[in-house]
PDB file of N, CA and C in Angstrom:
ATOM      1  N   UNK A   1       0.674  -1.008   0.515  1.00  0.00           N
ATOM      2  CA  UNK A   1      -0.708   0.382  -0.380  1.00  0.00           C
ATOM      3  C   UNK A   1       0.733   1.152   0.081  1.00  0.00           C
ATOM      4  N   UNK A   2       0.634   2.693  -0.507  1.00  0.00           N
ATOM      5  CA  UNK A   2       1.405   4.076  -0.833  1.00  0.00           C
ATOM      6  C   UNK A   2       1.285   4.242   0.839  1.00  0.00           C
ATOM      7  N   UNK A   3       2.373   5.520   0.250  1.00  0.00           N
ATOM      8  CA  UNK A   3       2.233   5.532   2.090  1.00  0.00           C
ATOM      9  C   UNK A   3       1.809   7.375   1.237  1.00  0.00           C
ATOM     10  N   UNK A   4       1.113   8.031   2.123  1.00  0.00           N
ATOM     11  CA  UNK A   4       0.554   9.477   2.270  1.00  0.00           C
ATOM     12  C   UNK A   4       1.417  10.307   3.007  1.00  0.00           C
ATOM     13  N   UNK A   5       2.207  11.352   2.127  1.00  0.00           N
ATOM     14  CA  UNK A   5       2.548  12.348   3.492  1.00  0.00           C
ATOM     15  C   UNK A   5       1.169  13.579   3.764  1.00  0.00           C
ATOM     16  N   UNK A   6       1.285  13.350   4.689  1.00  0.00           N
ATOM     17  CA  UNK A   6       0.624  15.064   4.635  1.00  0.00           C
ATOM     18  C   UNK A   6       0.916  15.852   6.117  1.00  0.00           C
ATOM     19  N   UNK A   7       1.289  17.238   5.116  1.00  0.00           N
ATOM     20  CA  UNK A   7       2.334  18.247   5.782  1.00  0.00           C
ATOM     21  C   UNK A   7       1.580  18.759   7.063  1.00  0.00           C
ATOM     22  N   UNK A   8       2.318  18.327   8.399  1.00  0.00           N
ATOM     23  CA  UNK A   8       1.413  19.225   9.257  1.00  0.00           C
ATOM     24  C   UNK A   8       2.955  20.898   9.135  1.00  0.00           C
ATOM     25  N   UNK A   9       2.262  21.414  10.436  1.00  0.00           N
ATOM     26  CA  UNK A   9       3.337  23.199  10.165  1.00  0.00           C
ATOM     27  C   UNK A   9       4.062  23.359  10.272  1.00  0.00           C
ATOM     28  N   UNK A  10       5.410  23.861  10.605  1.00  0.00           N
ATOM     29  CA  UNK A  10       6.732  23.473  10.670  1.00  0.00           C
ATOM     30  C   UNK A  10       7.322  25.019  11.276  1.00  0.00           C
ATOM     31  N   UNK A  11       8.083  24.735  12.170  1.00  0.00           N
ATOM     32  CA  UNK A  11       8.245  25.895  12.916  1.00  0.00           C
ATOM     33  C   UNK A  11      10.093  26.610  11.904  1.00  0.00           C
ATOM     34  N   UNK A  12      10.604  27.233  12.592  1.00  0.00           N
ATOM     35  CA  UNK A  12      11.799  27.671  12.425  1.00  0.00           C
ATOM     36  C   UNK A  12      12.470  28.454  13.825  1.00  0.00           C
ATOM     37  N   UNK A  13      13.691  27.840  13.564  1.00  0.00           N
ATOM     38  CA  UNK A  13      14.821  28.095  15.192  1.00  0.00           C
ATOM     39  C   UNK A  13      15.675  28.941  14.897  1.00  0.00           C
ATOM     40  N   UNK A  14      15.566  29.609  15.481  1.00  0.00           N
ATOM     41  CA  UNK A  14      17.123  30.958  15.244  1.00  0.00           C
ATOM     42  C   UNK A  14      17.831  31.013  15.878  1.00  0.00           C
ATOM     43  N   UNK A  15      18.807  30.785  15.534  1.00  0.00           N
ATOM     44  CA  UNK A  15      20.562  30.274  16.462  1.00  0.00           C
ATOM     45  C   UNK A  15      21.169  32.349  16.943  1.00  0.00           C
ATOM     46  N   UNK A  16      21.427  32.659  18.144  1.00  0.00           N
ATOM     47  CA  UNK A  16      22.050  32.858  18.558  1.00  0.00           C
ATOM     48  C   UNK A  16      23.595  33.117  19.292  1.00  0.00           C
ATOM     49  N   UNK A  17      24.232  33.660  18.826  1.00  0.00           N
ATOM     50  CA  UNK A  17      25.853  34.193  19.777  1.00  0.00           C
ATOM     51  C   UNK A  17      26.069  34.779  20.376  1.00  0.00           C
ATOM     52  N   UNK A  18      25.842  34.020  22.325  1.00  0.00           N
ATOM     53  CA  UNK A  18      25.212  35.574  22.997  1.00  0.00           C
ATOM     54  C   UNK A  18      27.124  35.405  23.800  1.00  0.00           C
ATOM     55  N   UNK A  19      27.683  35.075  23.245  1.00  0.00           N
ATOM     56  CA  UNK A  19      29.073  34.726  24.113  1.00  0.00           C
ATOM     57  C   UNK A  19      29.766  33.962  23.786  1.00  0.00           C
ATOM     58  N   UNK A  20      31.109  34.239  24.500  1.00  0.00           N
ATOM     59  CA  UNK A  20      32.535  32.905  24.368  1.00  0.00           C
ATOM     60  C   UNK A  20      31.866  32.476  26.323  1.00  0.00           C
ATOM     61  N   UNK A  21      32.322  30.309  25.857  1.00  0.00           N
ATOM     62  CA  UNK A  21      32.436  29.339  27.520  1.00  0.00           C
ATOM     63  C   UNK A  21      34.077  30.272  27.789  1.00  0.00           C
ATOM     64  N   UNK A  22      34.093  29.599  29.257  1.00  0.00           N
ATOM     65  CA  UNK A  22      35.425  29.435  29.376  1.00  0.00           C
ATOM     66  C   UNK A  22      37.006  29.591  28.822  1.00  0.00           C
ATOM     67  N   UNK A  23      36.222  28.383  27.576  1.00  0.00           N
ATOM     68  CA  UNK A  23      37.535  27.437  27.011  1.00  0.00           C
ATOM     69  C   UNK A  23      37.459  28.028  25.905  1.00  0.00           C
ATOM     70  N   UNK A  24      36.714  29.622  24.977  1.00  0.00           N
ATOM     71  CA  UNK A  24      37.051  30.322  24.231  1.00  0.00           C
ATOM     72  C   UNK A  24      35.321  30.031  22.909  1.00  0.00           C
ATOM     73  N   UNK A  25      34.736  28.929  23.525  1.00  0.00           N
ATOM     74  CA  UNK A  25      33.324  28.270  22.509  1.00  0.00           C
ATOM     75  C   UNK A  25      33.172  28.776  22.859  1.00  0.00           C
ATOM     76  N   UNK A  26      31.927  29.472  21.398  1.00  0.00           N
ATOM     77  CA  UNK A  26      30.942  30.124  21.433  1.00  0.00           C
ATOM     78  C   UNK A  26      29.694  29.806  22.539  1.00  0.00           C
ATOM     79  N   UNK A  27      28.818  30.672  22.376  1.00  0.00           N
ATOM     80  CA  UNK A  27      28.075  30.067  23.787  1.00  0.00           C
ATOM     81  C   UNK A  27      26.905  30.721  22.486  1.00  0.00           C
ATOM     82  N   UNK A  28      25.491  29.211  22.456  1.00  0.00           N
ATOM     83  CA  UNK A  28      24.684  29.385  21.256  1.00  0.00           C
ATOM     84  C   UNK A  28      23.451  29.709  21.646  1.00  0.00           C
ATOM     85  N   UNK A  29      22.326  30.616  21.522  1.00  0.00           N
ATOM     86  CA  UNK A  29      20.977  29.838  22.440  1.00  0.00           C
ATOM     87  C   UNK A  29      19.981  30.936  21.466  1.00  0.00           C
ATOM     88  N   UNK A  30      18.580  29.148  21.360  1.00  0.00           N
ATOM     89  CA  UNK A  30      18.129  29.468  20.479  1.00  0.00           C
ATOM     90  C   UNK A  30      16.800  29.742  20.738  1.00  0.00           C
ATOM     91  N   UNK A  31      16.210  30.541  20.064  1.00  0.00           N
ATOM     92  CA  UNK A  31      14.491  30.806  19.672  1.00  0.00           C
ATOM     93  C   UNK A  31      13.497  30.242  19.262  1.00  0.00           C
ATOM     94  N   UNK A  32      12.785  29.452  19.111  1.00  0.00           N
ATOM     95  CA  UNK A  32      12.021  28.808  17.815  1.00  0.00           C
ATOM     96  C   UNK A  32      10.929  29.265  17.401  1.00  0.00           C
ATOM     97  N   UNK A  33      10.421  29.728  16.920  1.00  0.00           N
ATOM     98  CA  UNK A  33       9.153  30.513  16.089  1.00  0.00           C
ATOM     99  C   UNK A  33       8.081  29.401  15.560  1.00  0.00           C
ATOM    100  N   UNK A  34       6.899  29.455  16.575  1.00  0.00           N
ATOM    101  CA  UNK A  34       6.123  27.816  15.800  1.00  0.00           C
ATOM    102  C   UNK A  34       5.595  28.540  14.454  1.00  0.00           C
ATOM    103  N   UNK A  35       5.390  27.936  14.290  1.00  0.00           N
ATOM    104  CA  UNK A  35       2.856  27.916  12.903  1.00  0.00           C
ATOM    105  C   UNK A  35       4.228  28.709  11.667  1.00  0.00           C
ATOM    106  N   UNK A  36       5.580  27.819  11.622  1.00  0.00           N
ATOM    107  CA  UNK A  36       5.228  28.851  10.279  1.00  0.00           C
ATOM    108  C   UNK A  36       4.378  27.854   8.899  1.00  0.00           C
ATOM    109  N   UNK A  37       3.991  28.630   8.294  1.00  0.00           N
ATOM    110  CA  UNK A  37       3.411  28.191   7.244  1.00  0.00           C
ATOM    111  C   UNK A  37       4.745  26.660   6.703  1.00  0.00           C
ATOM    112  N   UNK A  38       4.056  25.422   6.139  1.00  0.00           N
ATOM    113  CA  UNK A  38       4.461  24.467   5.847  1.00  0.00           C
ATOM    114  C   UNK A  38       5.340  24.479   3.933  1.00  0.00           C
ATOM    115  N   UNK A  39       4.060  25.495   3.719  1.00  0.00           N
ATOM    116  CA  UNK A  39       3.952  25.629   1.782  1.00  0.00           C
ATOM    117  C   UNK A  39       4.980  26.425   1.109  1.00  0.00           C
ATOM    118  N   UNK A  40       5.666  27.618   2.535  1.00  0.00           N
ATOM    119  CA  UNK A  40       6.560  29.109   2.662  1.00  0.00           C
ATOM    120  C   UNK A  40       7.786  28.649   1.682  1.00  0.00           C
ATOM    121  N   UNK A  41       8.504  29.173   1.000  1.00  0.00           N
ATOM    122  CA  UNK A  41       9.635  29.032   0.698  1.00  0.00           C
ATOM    123  C   UNK A  41      10.835  28.892   1.416  1.00  0.00           C
ATOM    124  N   UNK A  42      11.838  28.124   1.101  1.00  0.00           N
ATOM    125  CA  UNK A  42      12.968  28.059   2.159  1.00  0.00           C
ATOM    126  C   UNK A  42      13.993  29.817   1.944  1.00  0.00           C
ATOM    127  N   UNK A  43      13.680  30.702   1.211  1.00  0.00           N
ATOM    128  CA  UNK A  43      14.692  32.351   1.120  1.00  0.00           C
ATOM    129  C   UNK A  43      13.367  32.576   1.814  1.00  0.00           C
ATOM    130  N   UNK A  44      11.632  32.598   1.605  1.00  0.00           N
ATOM    131  CA  UNK A  44      11.128  33.297   2.425  1.00  0.00           C
ATOM    132  C   UNK A  44      10.778  32.929   4.082  1.00  0.00           C
ATOM    133  N   UNK A  45      11.816  32.078   4.190  1.00  0.00           N
ATOM    134  CA  UNK A  45      12.051  31.583   5.618  1.00  0.00           C
ATOM    135  C   UNK A  45      12.840  32.660   5.934  1.00  0.00           C
ATOM    136  N   UNK A  46      13.829  32.037   4.747  1.00  0.00           N
ATOM    137  CA  UNK A  46      15.143  32.656   5.760  1.00  0.00           C
ATOM    138  C   UNK A  46      15.497  34.485   5.453  1.00  0.00           C
ATOM    139  N   UNK A  47      14.499  35.257   4.596  1.00  0.00           N
ATOM    140  CA  UNK A  47      14.408  36.633   4.733  1.00  0.00           C
ATOM    141  C   UNK A  47      14.058  37.330   6.007  1.00  0.00           C
ATOM    142  N   UNK A  48      12.676  36.175   6.459  1.00  0.00           N
ATOM    143  CA  UNK A  48      11.858  36.979   7.597  1.00  0.00           C
ATOM    144  C   UNK A  48      12.908  36.533   9.126  1.00  0.00           C
ATOM    145  N   UNK A  49      14.642  34.882   8.790  1.00  0.00           N
ATOM    146  CA  UNK A  49      14.928  35.139  10.087  1.00  0.00           C
ATOM    147  C   UNK A  49      15.934  35.809  10.362  1.00  0.00           C
ATOM    148  N   UNK A  50      15.846  36.323   9.106  1.00  0.00           N
ATOM    149  CA  UNK A  50      17.802  37.813   9.064  1.00  0.00           C
ATOM    150  C   UNK A  50      16.584  39.106   9.070  1.00  0.00           C
ATOM    151  N   UNK A  51      15.702  38.901   8.983  1.00  0.00           N
ATOM    152  CA  UNK A  51      14.745  40.929   9.632  1.00  0.00           C
ATOM    153  C   UNK A  51      14.600  40.827  10.676  1.00  0.00           C
ATOM    154  N   UNK A  52      14.034  39.292  11.234  1.00  0.00           N
ATOM    155  CA  UNK A  52      13.713  38.688  13.166  1.00  0.00           C
ATOM    156  C   UNK A  52      15.151  39.561  13.544  1.00  0.00           C
ATOM    157  N   UNK A  53      15.690  38.875  13.303  1.00  0.00           N
ATOM    158  CA  UNK A  53      17.759  38.738  13.808  1.00  0.00           C
ATOM    159  C   UNK A  53      17.846  39.723  13.811  1.00  0.00           C
ATOM    160  N   UNK A  54      17.324  41.041  13.198  1.00  0.00           N
ATOM    161  CA  UNK A  54      18.479  42.475  13.583  1.00  0.00           C
ATOM    162  C   UNK A  54      17.421  43.177  14.301  1.00  0.00           C
ATOM    163  N   UNK A  55      16.475  42.816  14.829  1.00  0.00           N
ATOM    164  CA  UNK A  55      16.354  43.047  16.001  1.00  0.00           C
ATOM    165  C   UNK A  55      16.783  42.498  17.732  1.00  0.00           C
ATOM    166  N   UNK A  56      17.557  41.278  17.156  1.00  0.00           N
ATOM    167  CA  UNK A  56      17.989  41.593  18.162  1.00  0.00           C
ATOM    168  C   UNK A  56      19.141  41.767  18.826  1.00  0.00           C
ATOM    169  N   UNK A  57      19.616  41.761  19.756  1.00  0.00           N
ATOM    170  CA  UNK A  57      21.489  43.026  20.748  1.00  0.00           C
ATOM    171  C   UNK A  57      22.233  41.487  19.954  1.00  0.00           C
ATOM    172  N   UNK A  58      22.184  40.058  20.095  1.00  0.00           N
ATOM    173  CA  UNK A  58      23.568  39.124  19.503  1.00  0.00           C
ATOM    174  C   UNK A  58      23.459  38.963  18.184  1.00  0.00           C
ATOM    175  N   UNK A  59      24.468  38.581  17.510  1.00  0.00           N
ATOM    176  CA  UNK A  59      24.345  38.155  15.777  1.00  0.00           C
ATOM    177  C   UNK A  59      23.516  36.877  16.187  1.00  0.00           C
ATOM    178  N   UNK A  60      22.836  36.668  14.631  1.00  0.00           N
ATOM    179  CA  UNK A  60      22.227  35.562  14.194  1.00  0.00           C
ATOM    180  C   UNK A  60      23.303  34.387  13.715  1.00  0.00           C
ATOM    181  N   UNK A  61      23.312  33.220  14.619  1.00  0.00           N
ATOM    182  CA  UNK A  61      24.628  32.335  14.561  1.00  0.00           C
ATOM    183  C   UNK A  61      24.093  31.525  13.276  1.00  0.00           C
ATOM    184  N   UNK A  62      22.134  31.133  13.136  1.00  0.00           N
ATOM    185  CA  UNK A  62      22.209  29.636  12.428  1.00  0.00           C
ATOM    186  C   UNK A  62      20.144  29.887  12.117  1.00  0.00           C
ATOM    187  N   UNK A  63      20.236  29.718  11.073  1.00  0.00           N
ATOM    188  CA  UNK A  63      18.977  29.264  11.117  1.00  0.00           C
ATOM    189  C   UNK A  63      18.378  27.690  10.062  1.00  0.00           C
ATOM    190  N   UNK A  64      17.599  27.414  11.161  1.00  0.00           N
ATOM    191  CA  UNK A  64      17.167  26.403  10.964  1.00  0.00           C
ATOM    192  C   UNK A  64      15.487  26.332  11.203  1.00  0.00           C
ATOM    193  N   UNK A  65      14.837  25.075   9.820  1.00  0.00           N
ATOM    194  CA  UNK A  65      13.800  24.675   9.553  1.00  0.00           C
ATOM    195  C   UNK A  65      12.942  23.890  10.020  1.00  0.00           C
ATOM    196  N   UNK A  66      12.358  23.502  10.528  1.00  0.00           N
ATOM    197  CA  UNK A  66      12.154  22.072  10.803  1.00  0.00           C
ATOM    198  C   UNK A  66      10.393  21.929  10.635  1.00  0.00           C
ATOM    199  N   UNK A  67      11.039  20.416   8.892  1.00  0.00           N
ATOM    200  CA  UNK A  67       8.984  20.917   8.666  1.00  0.00           C
ATOM    201  C   UNK A  67       8.393  19.730   9.554  1.00  0.00           C
ATOM    202  N   UNK A  68       7.175  19.214   9.858  1.00  0.00           N
ATOM    203  CA  UNK A  68       6.147  18.021  10.695  1.00  0.00           C
ATOM    204  C   UNK A  68       5.833  17.718   9.131  1.00  0.00           C
ATOM    205  N   UNK A  69       5.631  16.448   8.899  1.00  0.00           N
ATOM    206  CA  UNK A  69       4.870  15.605   8.766  1.00  0.00           C
ATOM    207  C   UNK A  69       4.261  14.707   8.989  1.00  0.00           C
ATOM    208  N   UNK A  70       2.442  14.223   8.501  1.00  0.00           N
ATOM    209  CA  UNK A  70       2.416  12.195   9.022  1.00  0.00           C
ATOM    210  C   UNK A  70       1.719  11.580   8.075  1.00  0.00           C
ATOM    211  N   UNK A  71       2.934  10.591   8.474  1.00  0.00           N
ATOM    212  CA  UNK A  71       2.422   9.469   7.132  1.00  0.00           C
ATOM    213  C   UNK A  71       1.666   8.227   7.607  1.00  0.00           C
ATOM    214  N   UNK A  72       1.095   8.044   5.798  1.00  0.00           N
ATOM    215  CA  UNK A  72      -0.316   6.977   6.763  1.00  0.00           C
ATOM    216  C   UNK A  72      -0.359   5.985   5.499  1.00  0.00           C
ATOM    217  N   UNK A  73      -1.230   5.679   5.058  1.00  0.00           N
ATOM    218  CA  UNK A  73      -1.166   4.661   4.460  1.00  0.00           C
ATOM    219  C   UNK A  73      -2.283   4.717   3.640  1.00  0.00           C
TER     220      UNK A  73
END
C-alpha cells in the first residue's frame, strides 16, 4: 500500500551567539518560532529570520527550519 504524506506545521529555530565560554567556544541560545506555513519558500523563511535577527542584540549564528509531516497508508 502506498504511503501518503500529510504536511503539518513548520517551525524555525534561530540561534544567537551570546558570548564565549571559559574555553573560548561560542555560547549559542536558540529562539523557536512556531506556526511557519509548510508551503512557505525556504528563501522567504530565511529572509524573515534575517529581519527578526536584525532586531536582536546578539548576532545570528544559524537558522534551522523544521518541517513536520504525518505518514499514513
